[in-house]
Amino acid sequence: MSQIVQRFGAWNEIEKLEYYIRRYQNAIVVIQRTNYIPSSAVGFKSALPGAEAKQEDILCHAKKIVPLKKRLYELTGRCSPLSPKWPR
């Protein structure tokens, strides 16, 4: 049983940072592995074709990871989470 499931109470900042880093990394992998049709609001026509929109979304998630890793480094001296990568 994982450490997070066993304990009670609020997550601390380090656990949240590690969770969101892994979450965004997993989102990038999912985007890379799928035939990509960009999601958009109903009736909205995307200006970007599928491959360009896919790359744009990957970069968007990567930009979210950078500040999280910087903050994790400030708190712990390491920039990668201790938790294992999510299953694919």
PDB file of N, CA and C in Angstrom:
ATOM      1  N   MET A   1       0.852  -1.170   0.000  1.00  0.00           N
ATOM      2  CA  MET A   1       0.000   0.000   0.000  1.00  0.00           C
ATOM      3  C   MET A   1       0.900   1.235   0.000  1.00  0.00           C
ATOM      4  N   SER A   2       0.556   2.202  -0.790  1.00  0.00           N
ATOM      5  CA  SER A   2       1.430   3.367  -0.902  1.00  0.00           C
ATOM      6  C   SER A   2       1.391   4.208   0.370  1.00  0.00           C
ATOM      7  N   GLN A   3       2.418   5.002   0.511  1.00  0.00           N
ATOM      8  CA  GLN A   3       2.562   5.839   1.696  1.00  0.00           C
ATOM      9  C   GLN A   3       1.432   6.867   1.788  1.00  0.00           C
ATOM     10  N   ILE A   4       1.009   7.393   0.658  1.00  0.00           N
ATOM     11  CA  ILE A   4      -0.032   8.419   0.657  1.00  0.00           C
ATOM     12  C   ILE A   4      -1.375   7.834   1.077  1.00  0.00           C
ATOM     13  N   VAL A   5      -1.674   6.607   0.653  1.00  0.00           N
ATOM     14  CA  VAL A   5      -2.950   5.987   0.989  1.00  0.00           C
ATOM     15  C   VAL A   5      -3.002   5.658   2.477  1.00  0.00           C
ATOM     16  N   GLN A   6      -1.883   5.276   3.074  1.00  0.00           N
ATOM     17  CA  GLN A   6      -1.866   4.867   4.465  1.00  0.00           C
ATOM     18  C   GLN A   6      -2.041   6.032   5.433  1.00  0.00           C
ATOM     19  N   ARG A   7      -1.542   7.187   5.076  1.00  0.00           N
ATOM     20  CA  ARG A   7      -1.564   8.278   6.036  1.00  0.00           C
ATOM     21  C   ARG A   7      -2.841   9.101   5.935  1.00  0.00           C
ATOM     22  N   PHE A   8      -3.170   9.779   7.004  1.00  0.00           N
ATOM     23  CA  PHE A   8      -4.347  10.630   7.042  1.00  0.00           C
ATOM     24  C   PHE A   8      -3.892  12.080   7.152  1.00  0.00           C
ATOM     25  N   GLY A   9      -4.782  12.985   6.830  1.00  0.00           N
ATOM     26  CA  GLY A   9      -4.464  14.398   6.960  1.00  0.00           C
ATOM     27  C   GLY A   9      -4.145  15.027   5.618  1.00  0.00           C
ATOM     28  N   ALA A  10      -3.833  16.301   5.685  1.00  0.00           N
ATOM     29  CA  ALA A  10      -3.562  17.061   4.468  1.00  0.00           C
ATOM     30  C   ALA A  10      -2.181  16.720   3.909  1.00  0.00           C
ATOM     31  N   TRP A  11      -2.062  16.823   2.591  1.00  0.00           N
ATOM     32  CA  TRP A  11      -0.773  16.623   1.954  1.00  0.00           C
ATOM     33  C   TRP A  11       0.109  17.823   2.249  1.00  0.00           C
ATOM     34  N   ASN A  12       1.391  17.588   2.370  1.00  0.00           N
ATOM     35  CA  ASN A  12       2.280  18.730   2.521  1.00  0.00           C
ATOM     36  C   ASN A  12       2.690  19.220   1.127  1.00  0.00           C
ATOM     37  N   GLU A  13       3.410  20.320   1.087  1.00  0.00           N
ATOM     38  CA  GLU A  13       3.734  20.949  -0.195  1.00  0.00           C
ATOM     39  C   GLU A  13       4.590  20.047  -1.086  1.00  0.00           C
ATOM     40  N   ILE A  14       5.521  19.324  -0.506  1.00  0.00           N
ATOM     41  CA  ILE A  14       6.393  18.451  -1.287  1.00  0.00           C
ATOM     42  C   ILE A  14       5.581  17.354  -1.971  1.00  0.00           C
ATOM     43  N   GLU A  15       4.644  16.749  -1.260  1.00  0.00           N
ATOM     44  CA  GLU A  15       3.801  15.708  -1.855  1.00  0.00           C
ATOM     45  C   GLU A  15       2.965  16.264  -3.003  1.00  0.00           C
ATOM     46  N   LYS A  16       2.435  17.468  -2.825  1.00  0.00           N
ATOM     47  CA  LYS A  16       1.646  18.087  -3.886  1.00  0.00           C
ATOM     48  C   LYS A  16       2.510  18.350  -5.115  1.00  0.00           C
ATOM     49  N   LEU A  17       3.713  18.874  -4.903  1.00  0.00           N
ATOM     50  CA  LEU A  17       4.609  19.146  -6.023  1.00  0.00           C
ATOM     51  C   LEU A  17       4.934  17.861  -6.783  1.00  0.00           C
ATOM     52  N   GLU A  18       5.271  16.803  -6.044  1.00  0.00           N
ATOM     53  CA  GLU A  18       5.596  15.532  -6.685  1.00  0.00           C
ATOM     54  C   GLU A  18       4.401  14.983  -7.461  1.00  0.00           C
ATOM     55  N   TYR A  19       3.217  15.087  -6.879  1.00  0.00           N
ATOM     56  CA  TYR A  19       2.013  14.589  -7.548  1.00  0.00           C
ATOM     57  C   TYR A  19       1.774  15.336  -8.859  1.00  0.00           C
ATOM     58  N   TYR A  20       1.842  16.668  -8.834  1.00  0.00           N
ATOM     59  CA  TYR A  20       1.556  17.435 -10.041  1.00  0.00           C
ATOM     60  C   TYR A  20       2.648  17.274 -11.099  1.00  0.00           C
ATOM     61  N   ILE A  21       3.899  17.104 -10.687  1.00  0.00           N
ATOM     62  CA  ILE A  21       4.955  16.819 -11.668  1.00  0.00           C
ATOM     63  C   ILE A  21       4.638  15.520 -12.389  1.00  0.00           C
ATOM     64  N   ARG A  22       4.322  14.476 -11.630  1.00  0.00           N
ATOM     65  CA  ARG A  22       3.991  13.183 -12.241  1.00  0.00           C
ATOM     66  C   ARG A  22       2.722  13.275 -13.087  1.00  0.00           C
ATOM     67  N   ARG A  23       1.763  14.040 -12.642  1.00  0.00           N
ATOM     68  CA  ARG A  23       0.506  14.190 -13.380  1.00  0.00           C
ATOM     69  C   ARG A  23       0.746  14.824 -14.753  1.00  0.00           C
ATOM     70  N   TYR A  24       1.530  15.905 -14.781  1.00  0.00           N
ATOM     71  CA  TYR A  24       1.805  16.568 -16.056  1.00  0.00           C
ATOM     72  C   TYR A  24       2.708  15.709 -16.946  1.00  0.00           C
ATOM     73  N   GLN A  25       3.650  14.978 -16.342  1.00  0.00           N
ATOM     74  CA  GLN A  25       4.477  14.075 -17.141  1.00  0.00           C
ATOM     75  C   GLN A  25       3.616  12.987 -17.781  1.00  0.00           C
ATOM     76  N   ASN A  26       2.674  12.465 -17.040  1.00  0.00           N
ATOM     77  CA  ASN A  26       1.779  11.450 -17.589  1.00  0.00           C
ATOM     78  C   ASN A  26       0.910  12.036 -18.703  1.00  0.00           C
ATOM     79  N   ALA A  27       0.461  13.259 -18.533  1.00  0.00           N
ATOM     80  CA  ALA A  27      -0.357  13.894 -19.572  1.00  0.00           C
ATOM     81  C   ALA A  27       0.434  14.034 -20.869  1.00  0.00           C
ATOM     82  N   ILE A  28       1.715  14.365 -20.770  1.00  0.00           N
ATOM     83  CA  ILE A  28       2.556  14.483 -21.959  1.00  0.00           C
ATOM     84  C   ILE A  28       2.663  13.133 -22.670  1.00  0.00           C
ATOM     85  N   VAL A  29       2.862  12.068 -21.903  1.00  0.00           N
ATOM     86  CA  VAL A  29       2.972  10.730 -22.501  1.00  0.00           C
ATOM     87  C   VAL A  29       1.668  10.340 -23.190  1.00  0.00           C
ATOM     88  N   VAL A  30       0.552  10.645 -22.570  1.00  0.00           N
ATOM     89  CA  VAL A  30      -0.756  10.314 -23.165  1.00  0.00           C
ATOM     90  C   VAL A  30      -0.944  11.081 -24.467  1.00  0.00           C
ATOM     91  N   ILE A  31      -0.572  12.347 -24.488  1.00  0.00           N
ATOM     92  CA  ILE A  31      -0.697  13.144 -25.710  1.00  0.00           C
ATOM     93  C   ILE A  31       0.191  12.565 -26.803  1.00  0.00           C
ATOM     94  N   GLN A  32       1.414  12.170 -26.450  1.00  0.00           N
ATOM     95  CA  GLN A  32       2.348  11.635 -27.443  1.00  0.00           C
ATOM     96  C   GLN A  32       1.856  10.326 -28.046  1.00  0.00           C
ATOM     97  N   ARG A  33       1.180   9.513 -27.279  1.00  0.00           N
ATOM     98  CA  ARG A  33       0.793   8.172 -27.734  1.00  0.00           C
ATOM     99  C   ARG A  33      -0.540   8.109 -28.471  1.00  0.00           C
ATOM    100  N   THR A  34      -1.296   9.166 -28.456  1.00  0.00           N
ATOM    101  CA  THR A  34      -2.626   9.098 -29.058  1.00  0.00           C
ATOM    102  C   THR A  34      -2.643   9.769 -30.423  1.00  0.00           C
ATOM    103  N   ASN A  35      -3.595   9.343 -31.251  1.00  0.00           N
ATOM    104  CA  ASN A  35      -3.885  10.085 -32.470  1.00  0.00           C
ATOM    105  C   ASN A  35      -4.591  11.338 -32.002  1.00  0.00           C
ATOM    106  N   TYR A  36      -3.994  12.453 -32.216  1.00  0.00           N
ATOM    107  CA  TYR A  36      -4.396  13.651 -31.510  1.00  0.00           C
ATOM    108  C   TYR A  36      -5.388  14.485 -32.288  1.00  0.00           C
ATOM    109  N   ILE A  37      -6.504  14.729 -31.652  1.00  0.00           N
ATOM    110  CA  ILE A  37      -7.481  15.689 -32.141  1.00  0.00           C
ATOM    111  C   ILE A  37      -7.599  16.721 -31.027  1.00  0.00           C
ATOM    112  N   PRO A  38      -7.184  17.944 -31.272  1.00  0.00           N
ATOM    113  CA  PRO A  38      -7.186  18.925 -30.191  1.00  0.00           C
ATOM    114  C   PRO A  38      -8.582  19.168 -29.644  1.00  0.00           C
ATOM    115  N   SER A  39      -8.678  19.236 -28.334  1.00  0.00           N
ATOM    116  CA  SER A  39      -9.971  19.506 -27.715  1.00  0.00           C
ATOM    117  C   SER A  39     -10.218  21.005 -27.744  1.00  0.00           C
ATOM    118  N   SER A  40     -11.436  21.367 -27.967  1.00  0.00           N
ATOM    119  CA  SER A  40     -11.784  22.778 -27.999  1.00  0.00           C
ATOM    120  C   SER A  40     -13.258  22.921 -27.659  1.00  0.00           C
ATOM    121  N   ALA A  41     -13.648  24.134 -27.441  1.00  0.00           N
ATOM    122  CA  ALA A  41     -15.038  24.419 -27.115  1.00  0.00           C
ATOM    123  C   ALA A  41     -15.941  24.055 -28.304  1.00  0.00           C
ATOM    124  N   VAL A  42     -17.185  23.772 -28.017  1.00  0.00           N
ATOM    125  CA  VAL A  42     -18.135  23.400 -29.063  1.00  0.00           C
ATOM    126  C   VAL A  42     -18.276  24.558 -30.053  1.00  0.00           C
ATOM    127  N   GLY A  43     -18.160  24.251 -31.330  1.00  0.00           N
ATOM    128  CA  GLY A  43     -18.308  25.277 -32.353  1.00  0.00           C
ATOM    129  C   GLY A  43     -17.040  26.065 -32.621  1.00  0.00           C
ATOM    130  N   PHE A  44     -15.963  25.771 -31.905  1.00  0.00           N
ATOM    131  CA  PHE A  44     -14.709  26.498 -32.087  1.00  0.00           C
ATOM    132  C   PHE A  44     -13.828  25.720 -33.056  1.00  0.00           C
ATOM    133  N   LYS A  45     -13.355  26.369 -34.096  1.00  0.00           N
ATOM    134  CA  LYS A  45     -12.451  25.713 -35.044  1.00  0.00           C
ATOM    135  C   LYS A  45     -11.024  26.070 -34.669  1.00  0.00           C
ATOM    136  N   SER A  46     -10.215  25.051 -34.424  1.00  0.00           N
ATOM    137  CA  SER A  46      -8.826  25.273 -34.051  1.00  0.00           C
ATOM    138  C   SER A  46      -8.044  25.813 -35.234  1.00  0.00           C
ATOM    139  N   ALA A  47      -7.186  26.773 -34.965  1.00  0.00           N
ATOM    140  CA  ALA A  47      -6.336  27.328 -36.010  1.00  0.00           C
ATOM    141  C   ALA A  47      -5.160  26.404 -36.293  1.00  0.00           C
ATOM    142  N   LEU A  48      -4.871  25.479 -35.391  1.00  0.00           N
ATOM    143  CA  LEU A  48      -3.722  24.599 -35.552  1.00  0.00           C
ATOM    144  C   LEU A  48      -4.156  23.216 -36.009  1.00  0.00           C
ATOM    145  N   PRO A  49      -3.473  22.648 -37.000  1.00  0.00           N
ATOM    146  CA  PRO A  49      -3.736  21.249 -37.345  1.00  0.00           C
ATOM    147  C   PRO A  49      -3.314  20.327 -36.208  1.00  0.00           C
ATOM    148  N   GLY A  50      -3.654  19.051 -36.300  1.00  0.00           N
ATOM    149  CA  GLY A  50      -3.433  18.100 -35.219  1.00  0.00           C
ATOM    150  C   GLY A  50      -2.010  18.040 -34.700  1.00  0.00           C
ATOM    151  N   ALA A  51      -1.006  17.900 -35.586  1.00  0.00           N
ATOM    152  CA  ALA A  51       0.384  17.756 -35.135  1.00  0.00           C
ATOM    153  C   ALA A  51       0.881  19.020 -34.439  1.00  0.00           C
ATOM    154  N   GLU A  52       0.507  20.182 -34.974  1.00  0.00           N
ATOM    155  CA  GLU A  52       0.939  21.442 -34.348  1.00  0.00           C
ATOM    156  C   GLU A  52       0.243  21.655 -33.009  1.00  0.00           C
ATOM    157  N   ALA A  53      -1.030  21.314 -32.938  1.00  0.00           N
ATOM    158  CA  ALA A  53      -1.766  21.448 -31.680  1.00  0.00           C
ATOM    159  C   ALA A  53      -1.218  20.485 -30.637  1.00  0.00           C
ATOM    160  N   LYS A  54      -0.838  19.288 -31.079  1.00  0.00           N
ATOM    161  CA  LYS A  54      -0.249  18.300 -30.186  1.00  0.00           C
ATOM    162  C   LYS A  54       1.047  18.840 -29.585  1.00  0.00           C
ATOM    163  N   GLN A  55       1.909  19.383 -30.439  1.00  0.00           N
ATOM    164  CA  GLN A  55       3.173  19.951 -29.962  1.00  0.00           C
ATOM    165  C   GLN A  55       2.936  21.126 -29.022  1.00  0.00           C
ATOM    166  N   GLU A  56       1.960  21.947 -29.346  1.00  0.00           N
ATOM    167  CA  GLU A  56       1.636  23.101 -28.507  1.00  0.00           C
ATOM    168  C   GLU A  56       1.169  22.654 -27.118  1.00  0.00           C
ATOM    169  N   ASP A  57       0.342  21.615 -27.058  1.00  0.00           N
ATOM    170  CA  ASP A  57      -0.136  21.117 -25.769  1.00  0.00           C
ATOM    171  C   ASP A  57       0.985  20.459 -24.962  1.00  0.00           C
ATOM    172  N   ILE A  58       1.899  19.770 -25.645  1.00  0.00           N
ATOM    173  CA  ILE A  58       3.046  19.176 -24.944  1.00  0.00           C
ATOM    174  C   ILE A  58       3.896  20.276 -24.321  1.00  0.00           C
ATOM    175  N   LEU A  59       4.160  21.324 -25.071  1.00  0.00           N
ATOM    176  CA  LEU A  59       4.959  22.441 -24.542  1.00  0.00           C
ATOM    177  C   LEU A  59       4.248  23.151 -23.390  1.00  0.00           C
ATOM    178  N   CYS A  60       2.932  23.236 -23.480  1.00  0.00           N
ATOM    179  CA  CYS A  60       2.156  23.858 -22.404  1.00  0.00           C
ATOM    180  C   CYS A  60       2.316  23.075 -21.107  1.00  0.00           C
ATOM    181  N   HIS A  61       2.228  21.746 -21.177  1.00  0.00           N
ATOM    182  CA  HIS A  61       2.408  20.916 -19.982  1.00  0.00           C
ATOM    183  C   HIS A  61       3.849  20.984 -19.479  1.00  0.00           C
ATOM    184  N   ALA A  62       4.804  21.014 -20.393  1.00  0.00           N
ATOM    185  CA  ALA A  62       6.216  21.099 -19.989  1.00  0.00           C
ATOM    186  C   ALA A  62       6.492  22.416 -19.261  1.00  0.00           C
ATOM    187  N   LYS A  63       5.864  23.489 -19.716  1.00  0.00           N
ATOM    188  CA  LYS A  63       6.041  24.789 -19.052  1.00  0.00           C
ATOM    189  C   LYS A  63       5.444  24.783 -17.648  1.00  0.00           C
ATOM    190  N   LYS A  64       4.442  23.957 -17.415  1.00  0.00           N
ATOM    191  CA  LYS A  64       3.869  23.838 -16.075  1.00  0.00           C
ATOM    192  C   LYS A  64       4.785  23.053 -15.152  1.00  0.00           C
ATOM    193  N   ILE A  65       5.561  22.110 -15.709  1.00  0.00           N
ATOM    194  CA  ILE A  65       6.445  21.262 -14.903  1.00  0.00           C
ATOM    195  C   ILE A  65       7.651  22.047 -14.389  1.00  0.00           C
ATOM    196  N   VAL A  66       8.186  22.956 -15.189  1.00  0.00           N
ATOM    197  CA  VAL A  66       9.431  23.659 -14.837  1.00  0.00           C
ATOM    198  C   VAL A  66       9.344  24.383 -13.492  1.00  0.00           C
ATOM    199  N   PRO A  67       8.337  25.226 -13.241  1.00  0.00           N
ATOM    200  CA  PRO A  67       8.301  25.899 -11.931  1.00  0.00           C
ATOM    201  C   PRO A  67       8.079  24.932 -10.765  1.00  0.00           C
ATOM    202  N   LEU A  68       7.352  23.837 -11.025  1.00  0.00           N
ATOM    203  CA  LEU A  68       7.147  22.848  -9.968  1.00  0.00           C
ATOM    204  C   LEU A  68       8.471  22.194  -9.583  1.00  0.00           C
ATOM    205  N   LYS A  69       9.287  21.855 -10.578  1.00  0.00           N
ATOM    206  CA  LYS A  69      10.585  21.244 -10.294  1.00  0.00           C
ATOM    207  C   LYS A  69      11.523  22.230  -9.605  1.00  0.00           C
ATOM    208  N   LYS A  70      11.457  23.495  -9.993  1.00  0.00           N
ATOM    209  CA  LYS A  70      12.296  24.512  -9.339  1.00  0.00           C
ATOM    210  C   LYS A  70      11.921  24.650  -7.865  1.00  0.00           C
ATOM    211  N   ARG A  71      10.630  24.658  -7.589  1.00  0.00           N
ATOM    212  CA  ARG A  71      10.173  24.764  -6.191  1.00  0.00           C
ATOM    213  C   ARG A  71      10.569  23.518  -5.396  1.00  0.00           C
ATOM    214  N   LEU A  72      10.443  22.350  -6.002  1.00  0.00           N
ATOM    215  CA  LEU A  72      10.852  21.112  -5.343  1.00  0.00           C
ATOM    216  C   LEU A  72      12.342  21.145  -5.029  1.00  0.00           C
ATOM    217  N   TYR A  73      13.137  21.689  -5.938  1.00  0.00           N
ATOM    218  CA  TYR A  73      14.576  21.805  -5.710  1.00  0.00           C
ATOM    219  C   TYR A  73      14.870  22.751  -4.546  1.00  0.00           C
ATOM    220  N   GLU A  74      14.135  23.847  -4.475  1.00  0.00           N
ATOM    221  CA  GLU A  74      14.324  24.801  -3.367  1.00  0.00           C
ATOM    222  C   GLU A  74      14.037  24.150  -2.017  1.00  0.00           C
ATOM    223  N   LEU A  75      13.016  23.301  -1.980  1.00  0.00           N
ATOM    224  CA  LEU A  75      12.609  22.689  -0.711  1.00  0.00           C
ATOM    225  C   LEU A  75      13.462  21.482  -0.324  1.00  0.00           C
ATOM    226  N   THR A  76      13.888  20.689  -1.324  1.00  0.00           N
ATOM    227  CA  THR A  76      14.517  19.413  -1.009  1.00  0.00           C
ATOM    228  C   THR A  76      15.936  19.247  -1.538  1.00  0.00           C
ATOM    229  N   GLY A  77      16.344  20.058  -2.495  1.00  0.00           N
ATOM    230  CA  GLY A  77      17.657  19.883  -3.105  1.00  0.00           C
ATOM    231  C   GLY A  77      17.649  18.869  -4.242  1.00  0.00           C
ATOM    232  N   ARG A  78      16.499  18.387  -4.617  1.00  0.00           N
ATOM    233  CA  ARG A  78      16.375  17.473  -5.759  1.00  0.00           C
ATOM    234  C   ARG A  78      15.239  17.979  -6.639  1.00  0.00           C
ATOM    235  N   CYS A  79      15.344  17.693  -7.919  1.00  0.00           N
ATOM    236  CA  CYS A  79      14.305  18.208  -8.821  1.00  0.00           C
ATOM    237  C   CYS A  79      13.412  17.122  -9.385  1.00  0.00           C
ATOM    238  N   SER A  80      13.656  15.850  -9.046  1.00  0.00           N
ATOM    239  CA  SER A  80      12.731  14.814  -9.476  1.00  0.00           C
ATOM    240  C   SER A  80      12.033  14.179  -8.292  1.00  0.00           C
ATOM    241  N   PRO A  81      10.775  13.817  -8.471  1.00  0.00           N
ATOM    242  CA  PRO A  81      10.015  13.210  -7.370  1.00  0.00           C
ATOM    243  C   PRO A  81      10.568  11.858  -6.970  1.00  0.00           C
ATOM    244  N   LEU A  82      10.373  11.514  -5.704  1.00  0.00           N
ATOM    245  CA  LEU A  82      10.760  10.194  -5.204  1.00  0.00           C
ATOM    246  C   LEU A  82       9.731   9.144  -5.601  1.00  0.00           C
ATOM    247  N   SER A  83       8.515   9.562  -5.797  1.00  0.00           N
ATOM    248  CA  SER A  83       7.459   8.608  -6.159  1.00  0.00           C
ATOM    249  C   SER A  83       7.739   8.056  -7.548  1.00  0.00           C
ATOM    250  N   PRO A  84       7.413   6.780  -7.780  1.00  0.00           N
ATOM    251  CA  PRO A  84       7.675   6.189  -9.105  1.00  0.00           C
ATOM    252  C   PRO A  84       6.785   6.799 -10.169  1.00  0.00           C
ATOM    253  N   LYS A  85       7.218   6.672 -11.413  1.00  0.00           N
ATOM    254  CA  LYS A  85       6.398   7.160 -12.523  1.00  0.00           C
ATOM    255  C   LYS A  85       5.096   6.368 -12.574  1.00  0.00           C
ATOM    256  N   TRP A  86       4.060   6.994 -13.067  1.00  0.00           N
ATOM    257  CA  TRP A  86       2.768   6.350 -13.155  1.00  0.00           C
ATOM    258  C   TRP A  86       2.799   5.264 -14.219  1.00  0.00           C
ATOM    259  N   PRO A  87       2.037   4.191 -14.022  1.00  0.00           N
ATOM    260  CA  PRO A  87       2.009   3.138 -15.045  1.00  0.00           C
ATOM    261  C   PRO A  87       1.439   3.651 -16.353  1.00  0.00           C
ATOM    262  N   ARG A  88       1.909   3.092 -17.422  1.00  0.00           N
ATOM    263  CA  ARG A  88       1.465   3.533 -18.744  1.00  0.00           C
ATOM    264  C   ARG A  88       0.571   2.502 -19.370  1.00  0.00           C
TER     265      ARG A  88
END
